[in-house]
Structures are given as C-alpha cells and as structure tokens.
C-alpha atoms as a PDB file:
ATOM      1  CA  UNK A   1     -50.325  55.745  19.447  1.00  0.00           C
ATOM      2  CA  UNK A   2     -51.856  52.381  20.419  1.00  0.00           C
ATOM      3  CA  UNK A   3     -50.018  49.114  19.933  1.00  0.00           C
ATOM      4  CA  UNK A   4     -52.611  47.961  17.375  1.00  0.00           C
ATOM      5  CA  UNK A   5     -52.103  51.096  15.269  1.00  0.00           C
ATOM      6  CA  UNK A   6     -48.335  50.631  15.399  1.00  0.00           C
ATOM      7  CA  UNK A   7     -48.726  47.023  14.206  1.00  0.00           C
ATOM      8  CA  UNK A   8     -50.927  48.187  11.320  1.00  0.00           C
ATOM      9  CA  UNK A   9     -48.349  50.727  10.153  1.00  0.00           C
ATOM     10  CA  UNK A  10     -45.525  48.198  10.484  1.00  0.00           C
ATOM     11  CA  UNK A  11     -47.454  45.596   8.491  1.00  0.00           C
ATOM     12  CA  UNK A  12     -48.257  48.141   5.799  1.00  0.00           C
ATOM     13  CA  UNK A  13     -44.610  49.201   5.567  1.00  0.00           C
ATOM     14  CA  UNK A  14     -43.546  45.588   5.066  1.00  0.00           C
ATOM     15  CA  UNK A  15     -46.268  45.084   2.463  1.00  0.00           C
ATOM     16  CA  UNK A  16     -45.212  48.133   0.487  1.00  0.00           C
ATOM     17  CA  UNK A  17     -41.593  47.002   0.726  1.00  0.00           C
ATOM     18  CA  UNK A  18     -42.432  43.761  -1.045  1.00  0.00           C
ATOM     19  CA  UNK A  19     -43.722  45.563  -4.123  1.00  0.00           C
ATOM     20  CA  UNK A  20     -40.300  45.613  -5.838  1.00  0.00           C
ATOM     21  CA  UNK A  21     -39.175  42.164  -4.627  1.00  0.00           C
ATOM     22  CA  UNK A  22     -42.144  39.946  -5.466  1.00  0.00           C
ATOM     23  CA  UNK A  23     -40.675  38.668  -8.755  1.00  0.00           C
ATOM     24  CA  UNK A  24     -38.554  35.502  -8.843  1.00  0.00           C
ATOM     25  CA  UNK A  25     -36.253  34.338 -11.632  1.00  0.00           C
ATOM     26  CA  UNK A  26     -33.538  31.955 -12.826  1.00  0.00           C
ATOM     27  CA  UNK A  27     -30.229  31.571 -10.966  1.00  0.00           C
ATOM     28  CA  UNK A  28     -27.045  29.608 -11.615  1.00  0.00           C
ATOM     29  CA  UNK A  29     -26.014  27.328  -8.754  1.00  0.00           C
ATOM     30  CA  UNK A  30     -22.310  26.664  -8.162  1.00  0.00           C
ATOM     31  CA  UNK A  31     -21.538  24.426  -5.170  1.00  0.00           C
ATOM     32  CA  UNK A  32     -18.744  22.223  -6.561  1.00  0.00           C
ATOM     33  CA  UNK A  33     -15.295  22.730  -8.052  1.00  0.00           C
ATOM     34  CA  UNK A  34     -14.400  23.842 -10.653  1.00  0.00           C
ATOM     35  CA  UNK A  35     -15.843  27.284 -10.015  1.00  0.00           C
ATOM     36  CA  UNK A  36     -18.328  28.472 -12.610  1.00  0.00           C
ATOM     37  CA  UNK A  37     -16.756  30.327 -15.515  1.00  0.00           C
ATOM     38  CA  UNK A  38     -18.473  32.987 -17.649  1.00  0.00           C
ATOM     39  CA  UNK A  39     -16.947  33.588 -21.078  1.00  0.00           C
ATOM     40  CA  UNK A  40     -17.872  35.243 -24.350  1.00  0.00           C
ATOM     41  CA  UNK A  41     -19.726  32.920 -26.703  1.00  0.00           C
ATOM     42  CA  UNK A  42     -17.009  31.472 -28.919  1.00  0.00           C
ATOM     43  CA  UNK A  43     -16.878  32.442 -32.585  1.00  0.00           C
ATOM     44  CA  UNK A  44     -17.444  28.822 -33.657  1.00  0.00           C
ATOM     45  CA  UNK A  45     -20.942  28.881 -32.166  1.00  0.00           C
ATOM     46  CA  UNK A  46     -23.332  28.906 -35.134  1.00  0.00           C
ATOM     47  CA  UNK A  47     -25.942  30.931 -33.260  1.00  0.00           C
ATOM     48  CA  UNK A  48     -23.591  33.665 -32.004  1.00  0.00           C
ATOM     49  CA  UNK A  49     -24.737  36.394 -34.469  1.00  0.00           C
ATOM     50  CA  UNK A  50     -28.397  35.560 -33.868  1.00  0.00           C
ATOM     51  CA  UNK A  51     -27.942  35.586 -30.105  1.00  0.00           C
ATOM     52  CA  UNK A  52     -26.149  38.928 -30.304  1.00  0.00           C
ATOM     53  CA  UNK A  53     -29.299  40.289 -31.919  1.00  0.00           C
ATOM     54  CA  UNK A  54     -31.259  39.512 -28.740  1.00  0.00           C
ATOM     55  CA  UNK A  55     -28.532  40.787 -26.412  1.00  0.00           C
ATOM     56  CA  UNK A  56     -26.917  37.456 -25.476  1.00  0.00           C
ATOM     57  CA  UNK A  57     -23.125  37.500 -25.833  1.00  0.00           C
ATOM     58  CA  UNK A  58     -21.837  35.316 -22.951  1.00  0.00           C
ATOM     59  CA  UNK A  59     -22.526  31.989 -21.294  1.00  0.00           C
ATOM     60  CA  UNK A  60     -21.573  30.337 -18.016  1.00  0.00           C
ATOM     61  CA  UNK A  61     -20.096  26.869 -17.505  1.00  0.00           C
ATOM     62  CA  UNK A  62     -19.456  24.875 -14.328  1.00  0.00           C
ATOM     63  CA  UNK A  63     -22.855  25.450 -12.747  1.00  0.00           C
ATOM     64  CA  UNK A  64     -26.414  24.155 -12.644  1.00  0.00           C
ATOM     65  CA  UNK A  65     -29.614  26.042 -13.410  1.00  0.00           C
ATOM     66  CA  UNK A  66     -32.249  26.755 -10.788  1.00  0.00           C
ATOM     67  CA  UNK A  67     -34.966  29.183  -9.778  1.00  0.00           C
ATOM     68  CA  UNK A  68     -35.240  31.241  -6.606  1.00  0.00           C
ATOM     69  CA  UNK A  69     -38.938  30.517  -6.257  1.00  0.00           C
ATOM     70  CA  UNK A  70     -41.777  28.232  -7.302  1.00  0.00           C
ATOM     71  CA  UNK A  71     -43.502  28.474 -10.681  1.00  0.00           C
ATOM     72  CA  UNK A  72     -43.431  26.922 -14.143  1.00  0.00           C
ATOM     73  CA  UNK A  73     -40.732  26.740 -16.817  1.00  0.00           C
ATOM     74  CA  UNK A  74     -41.616  26.696 -20.527  1.00  0.00           C
ATOM     75  CA  UNK A  75     -39.039  25.370 -23.020  1.00  0.00           C
ATOM     76  CA  UNK A  76     -38.485  26.223 -26.693  1.00  0.00           C
ATOM     77  CA  UNK A  77     -36.190  24.566 -29.245  1.00  0.00           C
ATOM     78  CA  UNK A  78     -34.145  27.014 -31.346  1.00  0.00           C
ATOM     79  CA  UNK A  79     -31.990  24.589 -33.321  1.00  0.00           C
ATOM     80  CA  UNK A  80     -28.654  22.780 -33.530  1.00  0.00           C
ATOM     81  CA  UNK A  81     -25.441  22.559 -35.514  1.00  0.00           C
ATOM     82  CA  UNK A  82     -24.466  18.918 -35.082  1.00  0.00           C
ATOM     83  CA  UNK A  83     -24.398  15.578 -36.875  1.00  0.00           C
ATOM     84  CA  UNK A  84     -25.458  13.760 -33.720  1.00  0.00           C
ATOM     85  CA  UNK A  85     -29.020  13.160 -32.636  1.00  0.00           C
ATOM     86  CA  UNK A  86     -29.518  15.240 -29.490  1.00  0.00           C
ATOM     87  CA  UNK A  87     -32.420  14.816 -27.096  1.00  0.00           C
ATOM     88  CA  UNK A  88     -33.557  17.252 -24.414  1.00  0.00           C
ATOM     89  CA  UNK A  89     -35.790  16.011 -21.586  1.00  0.00           C
ATOM     90  CA  UNK A  90     -37.354  17.865 -18.667  1.00  0.00           C
ATOM     91  CA  UNK A  91     -39.866  16.149 -16.411  1.00  0.00           C
ATOM     92  CA  UNK A  92     -42.267  14.401 -18.780  1.00  0.00           C
ATOM     93  CA  UNK A  93     -41.220  16.564 -21.741  1.00  0.00           C
ATOM     94  CA  UNK A  94     -38.850  15.539 -24.530  1.00  0.00           C
ATOM     95  CA  UNK A  95     -37.530  16.999 -27.780  1.00  0.00           C
ATOM     96  CA  UNK A  96     -35.540  14.949 -30.305  1.00  0.00           C
ATOM     97  CA  UNK A  97     -33.466  16.885 -32.852  1.00  0.00           C
ATOM     98  CA  UNK A  98     -32.981  13.864 -35.095  1.00  0.00           C
ATOM     99  CA  UNK A  99     -29.769  13.348 -37.078  1.00  0.00           C
ATOM    100  CA  UNK A 100     -30.611  15.456 -40.118  1.00  0.00           C
ATOM    101  CA  UNK A 101     -30.414  18.114 -41.201  1.00  0.00           C
ATOM    102  CA  UNK A 102     -27.196  18.827 -39.330  1.00  0.00           C
ATOM    103  CA  UNK A 103     -27.976  22.551 -39.144  1.00  0.00           C
ATOM    104  CA  UNK A 104     -31.408  23.414 -37.778  1.00  0.00           C
ATOM    105  CA  UNK A 105     -32.223  27.081 -37.320  1.00  0.00           C
ATOM    106  CA  UNK A 106     -35.617  27.934 -35.840  1.00  0.00           C
ATOM    107  CA  UNK A 107     -34.705  31.349 -34.468  1.00  0.00           C
ATOM    108  CA  UNK A 108     -37.532  32.995 -36.399  1.00  0.00           C
ATOM    109  CA  UNK A 109     -40.081  30.367 -35.311  1.00  0.00           C
ATOM    110  CA  UNK A 110     -38.922  28.352 -32.265  1.00  0.00           C
ATOM    111  CA  UNK A 111     -40.545  25.001 -31.505  1.00  0.00           C
ATOM    112  CA  UNK A 112     -42.553  24.863 -28.277  1.00  0.00           C
ATOM    113  CA  UNK A 113     -41.613  21.851 -26.139  1.00  0.00           C
ATOM    114  CA  UNK A 114     -43.986  22.422 -23.214  1.00  0.00           C
ATOM    115  CA  UNK A 115     -43.697  23.451 -19.582  1.00  0.00           C
ATOM    116  CA  UNK A 116     -43.015  21.887 -16.188  1.00  0.00           C
ATOM    117  CA  UNK A 117     -43.710  22.984 -12.620  1.00  0.00           C
ATOM    118  CA  UNK A 118     -40.721  23.766 -10.381  1.00  0.00           C
ATOM    119  CA  UNK A 119     -40.589  24.349  -6.642  1.00  0.00           C
ATOM    120  CA  UNK A 120     -37.423  26.439  -6.451  1.00  0.00           C
ATOM    121  CA  UNK A 121     -33.756  25.409  -6.442  1.00  0.00           C
ATOM    122  CA  UNK A 122     -32.047  23.198  -9.041  1.00  0.00           C
ATOM    123  CA  UNK A 123     -34.612  21.407 -11.200  1.00  0.00           C
ATOM    124  CA  UNK A 124     -34.551  18.287 -13.354  1.00  0.00           C
ATOM    125  CA  UNK A 125     -33.577  18.268 -17.034  1.00  0.00           C
ATOM    126  CA  UNK A 126     -30.840  16.731 -19.174  1.00  0.00           C
ATOM    127  CA  UNK A 127     -29.313  16.490 -22.644  1.00  0.00           C
ATOM    128  CA  UNK A 128     -28.316  13.221 -24.351  1.00  0.00           C
ATOM    129  CA  UNK A 129     -26.338  12.565 -27.551  1.00  0.00           C
ATOM    130  CA  UNK A 130     -26.473   9.624 -29.994  1.00  0.00           C
ATOM    131  CA  UNK A 131     -23.957   8.962 -32.773  1.00  0.00           C
ATOM    132  CA  UNK A 132     -26.237   6.398 -34.454  1.00  0.00           C
ATOM    133  CA  UNK A 133     -29.734   5.090 -33.684  1.00  0.00           C
ATOM    134  CA  UNK A 134     -29.568   3.590 -30.198  1.00  0.00           C
ATOM    135  CA  UNK A 135     -25.820   4.298 -29.840  1.00  0.00           C
ATOM    136  CA  UNK A 136     -25.516   6.633 -26.861  1.00  0.00           C
ATOM    137  CA  UNK A 137     -22.580   8.988 -26.468  1.00  0.00           C
ATOM    138  CA  UNK A 138     -23.681   9.979 -22.976  1.00  0.00           C
ATOM    139  CA  UNK A 139     -25.985  12.341 -21.124  1.00  0.00           C
ATOM    140  CA  UNK A 140     -25.505  15.283 -18.782  1.00  0.00           C
ATOM    141  CA  UNK A 141     -28.049  16.071 -16.081  1.00  0.00           C
ATOM    142  CA  UNK A 142     -28.537  19.645 -14.925  1.00  0.00           C
ATOM    143  CA  UNK A 143     -27.613  18.760 -11.334  1.00  0.00           C
ATOM    144  CA  UNK A 144     -24.315  17.176 -12.480  1.00  0.00           C
ATOM    145  CA  UNK A 145     -23.312  20.033 -14.787  1.00  0.00           C
ATOM    146  CA  UNK A 146     -21.976  21.935 -11.757  1.00  0.00           C
ATOM    147  CA  UNK A 147     -18.917  19.655 -11.970  1.00  0.00           C
ATOM    148  CA  UNK A 148     -18.190  20.419 -15.645  1.00  0.00           C
ATOM    149  CA  UNK A 149     -16.293  23.351 -17.131  1.00  0.00           C
ATOM    150  CA  UNK A 150     -14.228  24.107 -20.231  1.00  0.00           C
ATOM    151  CA  UNK A 151     -12.601  21.080 -21.872  1.00  0.00           C
ATOM    152  CA  UNK A 152     -15.095  18.421 -20.782  1.00  0.00           C
ATOM    153  CA  UNK A 153     -16.384  16.190 -23.558  1.00  0.00           C
ATOM    154  CA  UNK A 154     -20.007  17.090 -22.826  1.00  0.00           C
ATOM    155  CA  UNK A 155     -21.419  20.001 -20.866  1.00  0.00           C
ATOM    156  CA  UNK A 156     -24.198  22.569 -20.693  1.00  0.00           C
ATOM    157  CA  UNK A 157     -23.656  26.321 -20.715  1.00  0.00           C
ATOM    158  CA  UNK A 158     -26.211  28.875 -19.507  1.00  0.00           C
ATOM    159  CA  UNK A 159     -27.003  32.484 -20.225  1.00  0.00           C
ATOM    160  CA  UNK A 160     -29.397  33.806 -17.576  1.00  0.00           C
ATOM    161  CA  UNK A 161     -31.285  37.082 -17.740  1.00  0.00           C
ATOM    162  CA  UNK A 162     -33.986  37.256 -15.080  1.00  0.00           C
ATOM    163  CA  UNK A 163     -36.908  35.063 -16.138  1.00  0.00           C
ATOM    164  CA  UNK A 164     -35.198  33.910 -19.357  1.00  0.00           C
ATOM    165  CA  UNK A 165     -32.394  31.356 -19.602  1.00  0.00           C
ATOM    166  CA  UNK A 166     -30.644  30.028 -22.702  1.00  0.00           C
ATOM    167  CA  UNK A 167     -29.376  26.428 -22.506  1.00  0.00           C
ATOM    168  CA  UNK A 168     -26.387  25.542 -24.736  1.00  0.00           C
ATOM    169  CA  UNK A 169     -25.535  21.859 -25.213  1.00  0.00           C
ATOM    170  CA  UNK A 170     -22.121  20.597 -26.359  1.00  0.00           C
ATOM    171  CA  UNK A 171     -22.246  16.939 -27.445  1.00  0.00           C
ATOM    172  CA  UNK A 172     -18.518  16.876 -28.350  1.00  0.00           C
ATOM    173  CA  UNK A 173     -19.067  14.937 -31.547  1.00  0.00           C
ATOM    174  CA  UNK A 174     -16.116  16.917 -32.931  1.00  0.00           C
ATOM    175  CA  UNK A 175     -14.172  16.710 -29.667  1.00  0.00           C
ATOM    176  CA  UNK A 176     -14.169  19.152 -26.746  1.00  0.00           C
ATOM    177  CA  UNK A 177     -14.635  22.238 -28.950  1.00  0.00           C
ATOM    178  CA  UNK A 178     -16.738  24.076 -26.330  1.00  0.00           C
ATOM    179  CA  UNK A 179     -18.783  25.807 -29.006  1.00  0.00           C
ATOM    180  CA  UNK A 180     -22.028  24.720 -27.319  1.00  0.00           C
ATOM    181  CA  UNK A 181     -24.243  24.943 -30.382  1.00  0.00           C
ATOM    182  CA  UNK A 182     -25.233  21.274 -30.665  1.00  0.00           C
ATOM    183  CA  UNK A 183     -28.649  22.036 -29.204  1.00  0.00           C
ATOM    184  CA  UNK A 184     -30.072  25.410 -28.199  1.00  0.00           C
ATOM    185  CA  UNK A 185     -33.027  25.658 -25.829  1.00  0.00           C
ATOM    186  CA  UNK A 186     -34.685  28.759 -24.415  1.00  0.00           C
ATOM    187  CA  UNK A 187     -36.389  28.506 -21.016  1.00  0.00           C
ATOM    188  CA  UNK A 188     -38.923  31.023 -19.706  1.00  0.00           C
ATOM    189  CA  UNK A 189     -39.831  31.045 -16.013  1.00  0.00           C
ATOM    190  CA  UNK A 190     -43.245  32.168 -14.753  1.00  0.00           C
ATOM    191  CA  UNK A 191     -43.401  32.569 -10.948  1.00  0.00           C
ATOM    192  CA  UNK A 192     -46.342  31.196  -9.003  1.00  0.00           C
ATOM    193  CA  UNK A 193     -49.186  33.687  -8.719  1.00  0.00           C
ATOM    194  CA  UNK A 194     -48.363  36.578  -6.400  1.00  0.00           C
ATOM    195  CA  UNK A 195     -50.267  39.838  -5.886  1.00  0.00           C
ATOM    196  CA  UNK A 196     -49.401  42.354  -8.570  1.00  0.00           C
ATOM    197  CA  UNK A 197     -47.190  45.216  -7.324  1.00  0.00           C
ATOM    198  CA  UNK A 198     -49.932  47.717  -8.102  1.00  0.00           C
ATOM    199  CA  UNK A 199     -52.435  45.645  -6.093  1.00  0.00           C
ATOM    200  CA  UNK A 200     -50.062  45.425  -3.144  1.00  0.00           C
ATOM    201  CA  UNK A 201     -49.484  49.152  -3.266  1.00  0.00           C
ATOM    202  CA  UNK A 202     -53.191  49.955  -3.343  1.00  0.00           C
ATOM    203  CA  UNK A 203     -53.833  47.533  -0.483  1.00  0.00           C
ATOM    204  CA  UNK A 204     -51.146  49.180   1.622  1.00  0.00           C
ATOM    205  CA  UNK A 205     -52.438  52.660   0.884  1.00  0.00           C
ATOM    206  CA  UNK A 206     -55.946  51.477   1.663  1.00  0.00           C
ATOM    207  CA  UNK A 207     -54.891  50.219   5.084  1.00  0.00           C
ATOM    208  CA  UNK A 208     -53.185  53.493   5.871  1.00  0.00           C
ATOM    209  CA  UNK A 209     -56.221  55.443   4.632  1.00  0.00           C
ATOM    210  CA  UNK A 210     -58.512  53.410   6.848  1.00  0.00           C
ATOM    211  CA  UNK A 211     -56.361  54.168   9.885  1.00  0.00           C
ATOM    212  CA  UNK A 212     -56.094  57.898   9.186  1.00  0.00           C
ATOM    213  CA  UNK A 213     -59.849  58.042   8.567  1.00  0.00           C
ATOM    214  CA  UNK A 214     -60.603  56.420  11.883  1.00  0.00           C
ATOM    215  CA  UNK A 215     -58.145  58.761  13.596  1.00  0.00           C
ATOM    216  CA  UNK A 216     -59.874  61.828  12.108  1.00  0.00           C
ATOM    217  CA  UNK A 217     -63.255  60.519  13.208  1.00  0.00           C
ATOM    218  CA  UNK A 218     -61.998  60.106  16.763  1.00  0.00           C
ATOM    219  CA  UNK A 219     -60.734  63.707  16.826  1.00  0.00           C
ATOM    220  CA  UNK A 220     -64.100  65.086  15.655  1.00  0.00           C
ATOM    221  CA  UNK A 221     -65.888  63.051  18.299  1.00  0.00           C
END
C-alpha cells in the first residue's frame, strides 16, 4: 500500500472518530479554594418543585461557569423570590427584576434576555442586588464566584447539563440562607458551526469509496 493511500485511510479514520465528539457544552471551572460543592437544591428554594419537573435537583457552588468551545449563549429569565431588585448582566445584555412583585414565576413563559458570543473558557456575566433604588448590596462576577461556597452572603450556584445551564442567584437579603432563588436564569449554549455528524460520516465513507474504486480500477487494468 502506498504512503498516500495510508495517509488517506488515517485521515478518514480521524474524521470518522470526530463524529461523536464534535459537540461542545457548558463546564464548571474550579481553580480556587474552597473546592466546588454540589448539593441537593434546598427545600427553601421556591423553584425546587418546578425544577424537579425538568430533571434539575442539584446545584454546584464554589465554581465559575464556562464553555469548552466557541459559540453563543442565550439567556432566559425564569423568575425570583426576593424583595430586592436583582439585575443580571452579560456582555451588553441586562435584565432587571425590579422590586415588585417579590415572587415572579415565568416558568411557563420565560423572558428572553438575548445572546452573547463566547470564545471558550470562563465568560463574563454577573448578578447585582439593590435594597432600594440606587442602594447597592453588592455584585458577584462569574469569574469571582469560584471563591464562594456555602455561607457566603452572595453567591451563584449552577446546574449544568450539557448545553443547558441554570444560574441560581442568592442576594442574601434574608441573610446567608443559601436558597439561591433570588433570581433564576437559564442559559443555552450553541456551539460554533461544525460539520454535522452525518455529513462527516458521509464524507469519510466517500473518501474510502473513492480509494477502493480507484484500487479496483487498477486491478482491472
């Protein structure tokens, strides 16, 4: 077998091997102490029964949220159970919960916030809380959340399932209750365009077919 034919087969094998690994998704990033901690969603979380209905029963603290590839992230507001005004920002996007009503439940019809482009790794977003108009109670950036775990006055918890991540904000207006239901955001990641697995498979099979066809022609000659 010639060296060129061997290279063709090797390249095709690699191409076919990428069919099941082409998809990227969300990841939690833990590089600082305390170590990230995954727990069951506490009973005091207003959205716990609703989340259970979509298969979400745990969240992770002490980490930041990232992606393992480039693409875009779309955000949706699902509600809050808090007297504070909470504001979510990501890139040029922003969503303001307002002060009232205290309980906002949009599970049946979530509010679209918009989408941002990400390049892979930890990306930029944050939550901020206000006890009165213009009276800030602090903000937590995604990149800094890696340092925060149970018991901190403000923190973000994450529940990650492939290309979907739930973001749970705790503004600690009632103290460090860790119920993380003061603002609930759903993020959906869409990877940058890659060849569809079926297309990759057909391309690989086509390359192999071309080679075998040429080989048969040589034998007949």
